[in-house]
């Protein structure tokens, strides 16, 4: 990875943007357990707005829907969602286990302006207008004027008691990825990458882990003291006589023996 390597203390928090339907809860929980000293701020933004949010530096990284501009952003694909068709509970399709794109040929299918799919040819008959948002399209489905194709997470997000959904076969799928500006791969971004990739808490990978290991080693060097000298074992000579004399303490200085009285 390339980019700046700012120290953890240079940013008071890690800012994570996420698009509707993305579920960051699991990774947020791990982050708060692993880095309790660094707050994680969540930012809910639309799929259309998230590139600008990341480019402008309002967020450090984001859970986005692919594709992204790979000349500017790095991205790690996380999962691909099931595509479903949202229908009224009393619709004929509610009795089926799944629906095909061909089954929608005679149905009005709304394609809101924030549609996350890149259709070569949208299924069904076009609505009388394109709803501005997925939420607006859900209201129209509830009014029995058409159907809506979305990733399953968006169907759950906009759940209503009078609506249900069925898997749609042979349809495009939407993938969610962790993305960030390639030239802004900071310590905090690298930490979050480690979490989504399943690195253990003891992993030595990552910019911050390496920095903390180096700081720990430097601290140990500063606080390490030499061990005090060991006392000689009892009965062993220290190189001096028992009373501070030289070796061979049986003789006085001059080498003459003591006379007996």
Protein backbone atom coordinates (compact mmCIF):
# COMPACT_ATOMS: atom_id res chain seq x y z
CA UNK A 1 0.00 0.00 0.00
CA UNK A 2 1.10 3.52 -0.62
CA UNK A 3 0.27 6.80 0.98
CA UNK A 4 0.91 8.82 4.09
CA UNK A 5 1.66 7.12 7.36
CA UNK A 6 0.36 9.51 9.95
CA UNK A 7 0.80 8.57 13.57
CA UNK A 8 -2.31 7.35 15.42
CA UNK A 9 -2.32 10.45 17.60
CA UNK A 10 -2.59 12.76 14.54
CA UNK A 11 -6.30 11.97 14.14
CA UNK A 12 -8.74 12.06 17.08
CA UNK A 13 -11.01 9.45 15.49
CA UNK A 14 -11.47 7.11 12.55
CA UNK A 15 -14.29 8.28 10.27
CA UNK A 16 -16.12 5.56 8.35
CA UNK A 17 -18.75 6.40 5.74
CA UNK A 18 -21.26 3.76 4.70
CA UNK A 19 -23.93 3.56 2.03
CA UNK A 20 -27.55 2.50 2.66
CA UNK A 21 -27.81 -1.23 3.23
CA UNK A 22 -24.17 -1.70 4.27
CA UNK A 23 -23.80 -3.13 7.76
CA UNK A 24 -20.60 -2.07 9.55
CA UNK A 25 -21.75 -3.18 13.03
CA UNK A 26 -19.50 -6.27 13.31
CA UNK A 27 -16.33 -4.41 12.33
CA UNK A 28 -17.23 -1.40 14.48
CA UNK A 29 -17.58 -3.68 17.51
CA UNK A 30 -14.16 -5.24 16.90
CA UNK A 31 -12.62 -1.80 16.43
CA UNK A 32 -13.99 -0.53 19.74
CA UNK A 33 -12.70 -3.62 21.53
CA UNK A 34 -9.27 -3.42 19.91
CA UNK A 35 -8.75 0.37 19.85
CA UNK A 36 -10.83 1.79 22.71
CA UNK A 37 -8.62 4.90 22.81
CA UNK A 38 -9.56 5.82 19.21
CA UNK A 39 -13.25 6.64 18.59
CA UNK A 40 -14.88 5.40 15.38
CA UNK A 41 -17.35 7.86 13.87
CA UNK A 42 -19.97 6.53 11.44
CA UNK A 43 -21.29 8.63 8.55
CA UNK A 44 -24.38 7.50 6.61
CA UNK A 45 -24.17 8.81 3.03
CA UNK A 46 -25.89 7.94 -0.24
CA UNK A 47 -24.15 5.75 -2.81
CA UNK A 48 -23.89 8.75 -5.14
CA UNK A 49 -22.36 11.00 -2.49
CA UNK A 50 -19.76 8.66 -1.00
CA UNK A 51 -17.03 9.21 -3.64
CA UNK A 52 -17.12 12.96 -3.02
CA UNK A 53 -17.08 12.44 0.75
CA UNK A 54 -13.92 10.32 0.48
CA UNK A 55 -12.24 12.59 -2.05
CA UNK A 56 -12.91 15.63 0.11
CA UNK A 57 -11.44 14.02 3.23
CA UNK A 58 -14.68 14.12 5.23
CA UNK A 59 -14.24 10.38 5.88
CA UNK A 60 -11.13 8.21 6.10
CA UNK A 61 -12.71 5.20 4.38
CA UNK A 62 -16.12 3.95 3.34
CA UNK A 63 -18.26 0.89 2.83
CA UNK A 64 -19.31 1.49 -0.77
CA UNK A 65 -20.96 -0.29 -3.66
CA UNK A 66 -18.76 -1.34 -6.54
CA UNK A 67 -17.60 -0.23 -9.01
CA UNK A 68 -15.36 2.64 -7.87
CA UNK A 69 -12.77 4.71 -9.72
CA UNK A 70 -9.72 2.45 -9.32
CA UNK A 71 -7.39 5.16 -10.63
CA UNK A 72 -8.03 7.06 -7.40
CA UNK A 73 -9.50 4.63 -4.87
CA UNK A 74 -8.28 1.38 -3.40
CA UNK A 75 -11.00 -1.17 -2.71
CA UNK A 76 -11.31 -4.49 -0.92
CA UNK A 77 -14.44 -6.43 -1.97
CA UNK A 78 -16.27 -7.72 1.11
CA UNK A 79 -19.42 -9.49 -0.06
CA UNK A 80 -21.94 -9.74 -2.91
CA UNK A 81 -25.63 -9.38 -2.19
CA UNK A 82 -28.63 -11.34 -3.41
CA UNK A 83 -30.81 -9.34 -5.78
CA UNK A 84 -34.53 -9.32 -4.96
CA UNK A 85 -37.75 -7.90 -6.33
CA UNK A 86 -39.92 -6.00 -3.85
CA UNK A 87 -43.63 -6.75 -4.23
CA UNK A 88 -46.91 -6.21 -2.34
CA UNK A 89 -47.77 -9.14 -0.08
CA UNK A 90 -50.86 -9.92 -2.11
CA UNK A 91 -49.00 -10.00 -5.43
CA UNK A 92 -48.98 -13.19 -7.52
CA UNK A 93 -45.20 -13.48 -7.14
CA UNK A 94 -45.56 -13.84 -3.37
CA UNK A 95 -46.54 -17.49 -3.91
CA UNK A 96 -43.22 -18.23 -5.70
CA UNK A 97 -39.88 -19.10 -4.13
CA UNK A 98 -38.00 -16.98 -6.67
CA UNK A 99 -38.68 -14.83 -9.73
CA UNK A 100 -36.79 -14.52 -13.02
CA UNK A 101 -36.10 -11.38 -15.01
CA UNK A 102 -38.31 -12.77 -17.77
CA UNK A 103 -41.21 -12.96 -15.30
CA UNK A 104 -41.07 -9.17 -14.97
CA UNK A 105 -41.68 -8.54 -18.67
CA UNK A 106 -45.31 -7.49 -18.19
CA UNK A 107 -44.80 -5.71 -14.86
CA UNK A 108 -44.10 -2.04 -14.24
CA UNK A 109 -40.66 -1.93 -12.62
CA UNK A 110 -39.35 1.29 -11.11
CA UNK A 111 -35.73 2.32 -11.55
CA UNK A 112 -35.02 5.17 -9.12
CA UNK A 113 -32.32 7.72 -9.79
CA UNK A 114 -30.22 6.19 -7.01
CA UNK A 115 -30.49 2.68 -8.52
CA UNK A 116 -27.31 0.77 -7.60
CA UNK A 117 -27.44 -1.59 -10.60
CA UNK A 118 -25.86 -0.98 -13.97
CA UNK A 119 -28.50 -2.45 -16.25
CA UNK A 120 -27.77 -3.09 -19.91
CA UNK A 121 -31.50 -3.29 -20.36
CA UNK A 122 -33.77 -2.63 -17.35
CA UNK A 123 -36.39 -5.34 -16.85
CA UNK A 124 -40.12 -4.82 -17.03
CA UNK A 125 -42.07 -1.84 -18.29
CA UNK A 126 -40.87 1.63 -17.31
CA UNK A 127 -42.86 3.54 -14.72
CA UNK A 128 -44.63 6.80 -15.43
CA UNK A 129 -41.63 8.52 -13.85
CA UNK A 130 -38.30 7.67 -12.28
CA UNK A 131 -38.52 8.05 -8.49
CA UNK A 132 -35.79 10.21 -7.00
CA UNK A 133 -34.83 7.67 -4.34
CA UNK A 134 -35.27 4.03 -3.42
CA UNK A 135 -37.44 5.13 -0.49
CA UNK A 136 -39.77 6.92 -2.94
CA UNK A 137 -39.94 3.81 -5.12
CA UNK A 138 -40.88 1.70 -2.08
CA UNK A 139 -43.85 4.00 -1.48
CA UNK A 140 -45.00 3.45 -5.05
CA UNK A 141 -44.70 -0.33 -4.70
CA UNK A 142 -46.83 -0.11 -1.54
CA UNK A 143 -49.42 1.80 -3.59
CA UNK A 144 -49.63 -1.17 -6.01
CA UNK A 145 -48.41 0.77 -9.04
CA UNK A 146 -45.24 -1.19 -9.78
CA UNK A 147 -42.37 -3.32 -8.49
CA UNK A 148 -38.78 -2.58 -7.51
CA UNK A 149 -35.50 -4.49 -7.91
CA UNK A 150 -32.88 -3.88 -5.20
CA UNK A 151 -30.12 -5.64 -3.26
CA UNK A 152 -31.59 -7.65 -0.39
CA UNK A 153 -30.12 -5.30 2.24
CA UNK A 154 -32.10 -2.38 0.82
CA UNK A 155 -35.30 -4.44 0.85
CA UNK A 156 -34.66 -5.12 4.54
CA UNK A 157 -33.76 -1.49 5.22
CA UNK A 158 -37.06 -0.30 3.76
CA UNK A 159 -39.15 -3.12 5.23
CA UNK A 160 -42.87 -2.58 5.45
CA UNK A 161 -45.56 -4.91 6.78
CA UNK A 162 -47.52 -4.69 3.53
CA UNK A 163 -44.52 -5.59 1.34
CA UNK A 164 -42.33 -8.63 0.84
CA UNK A 165 -39.59 -9.66 -1.60
CA UNK A 166 -38.38 -12.66 -3.57
CA UNK A 167 -34.93 -13.53 -5.00
CA UNK A 168 -34.55 -12.44 -8.62
CA UNK A 169 -32.58 -14.85 -10.81
CA UNK A 170 -30.46 -13.84 -13.84
CA UNK A 171 -30.17 -10.29 -12.53
CA UNK A 172 -27.11 -8.11 -11.85
CA UNK A 173 -25.76 -8.22 -8.32
CA UNK A 174 -24.34 -5.51 -6.09
CA UNK A 175 -21.04 -5.95 -4.25
CA UNK A 176 -20.01 -4.00 -1.15
CA UNK A 177 -16.37 -3.05 -0.63
CA UNK A 178 -14.16 -1.14 1.77
CA UNK A 179 -12.73 1.77 -0.19
CA UNK A 180 -10.45 4.73 0.51
CA UNK A 181 -8.25 7.18 -1.46
CA UNK A 182 -5.09 5.25 -2.34
CA UNK A 183 -2.85 8.19 -1.47
CA UNK A 184 -4.38 8.46 2.00
CA UNK A 185 -3.63 5.03 3.44
CA UNK A 186 -3.11 6.15 7.03
CA UNK A 187 -2.42 4.07 10.13
CA UNK A 188 -6.11 4.16 11.02
CA UNK A 189 -7.15 2.98 7.58
CA UNK A 190 -4.61 0.17 7.78
CA UNK A 191 -5.97 -0.83 11.19
CA UNK A 192 -9.50 -1.08 9.79
CA UNK A 193 -8.24 -3.05 6.79
CA UNK A 194 -6.74 -5.51 9.25
CA UNK A 195 -10.09 -5.91 10.98
CA UNK A 196 -12.12 -6.55 7.81
CA UNK A 197 -9.45 -8.99 6.61
CA UNK A 198 -9.61 -10.88 9.89
CA UNK A 199 -6.15 -10.14 11.26
CA UNK A 200 -5.81 -11.21 14.86
CA UNK A 201 -5.22 -8.74 17.66
CA UNK A 202 -1.66 -10.11 18.00
CA UNK A 203 -0.86 -9.69 14.32
CA UNK A 204 2.33 -7.74 13.65
CA UNK A 205 1.04 -6.54 10.30
CA UNK A 206 -0.02 -2.95 9.83
CA UNK A 207 1.60 0.43 10.16
CA UNK A 208 0.48 1.05 13.72
CA UNK A 209 1.49 -2.39 14.95
CA UNK A 210 5.02 -1.88 13.64
CA UNK A 211 5.23 1.60 15.16
CA UNK A 212 3.96 0.42 18.55
CA UNK A 213 6.41 -2.48 18.54
CA UNK A 214 9.30 -0.11 17.85
CA UNK A 215 8.17 2.27 20.60
CA UNK A 216 7.90 -0.63 23.04
CA UNK A 217 11.43 -1.80 22.26
CA UNK A 218 12.82 1.72 22.69
CA UNK A 219 11.06 2.08 26.02
CA UNK A 220 12.45 -1.23 27.22
CA UNK A 221 15.98 -0.13 26.32
CA UNK A 222 15.59 3.09 28.29
CA UNK A 223 14.18 1.44 31.40
CA UNK A 224 16.47 -1.61 31.39
CA UNK A 225 19.12 -1.41 34.15
CA UNK A 226 22.30 -3.51 34.52
CA UNK A 227 22.06 -6.33 37.01
CA UNK A 228 23.91 -5.68 40.32
CA UNK A 229 27.22 -7.52 40.77
CA UNK A 230 27.00 -10.95 42.30
CA UNK A 231 28.73 -11.70 45.59
CA UNK A 232 31.26 -14.52 45.50
CA UNK A 233 30.15 -17.85 46.87
CA UNK A 234 31.21 -18.59 50.47
CA UNK A 235 34.66 -20.15 50.79
CA UNK A 236 35.90 -18.90 47.42
CA UNK A 237 38.82 -16.56 47.12
CA UNK A 238 38.35 -13.06 45.77
CA UNK A 239 42.05 -12.70 44.97
CA UNK A 240 42.85 -11.27 48.40
CA UNK A 241 43.69 -12.84 51.74
CA UNK A 242 41.11 -13.43 54.42
CA UNK A 243 42.21 -10.24 56.18
CA UNK A 244 42.83 -8.15 53.10
CA UNK A 245 46.38 -9.49 52.57
CA UNK A 246 47.84 -10.89 49.42
CA UNK A 247 47.71 -14.50 48.34
CA UNK A 248 49.54 -16.91 50.56
CA UNK A 249 48.58 -15.03 53.73
CA UNK A 250 50.58 -17.53 55.90
CA UNK A 251 53.68 -15.31 55.51
CA UNK A 252 54.23 -11.74 56.66
CA UNK A 253 55.59 -9.06 54.43
CA UNK A 254 59.28 -9.80 53.95
CA UNK A 255 58.77 -13.56 53.91
CA UNK A 256 60.16 -14.28 57.46
CA UNK A 257 58.36 -16.87 59.62
CA UNK A 258 57.02 -15.89 63.05
CA UNK A 259 59.17 -17.12 65.96
CA UNK A 260 57.66 -19.12 68.75
CA UNK A 261 58.21 -17.88 72.33
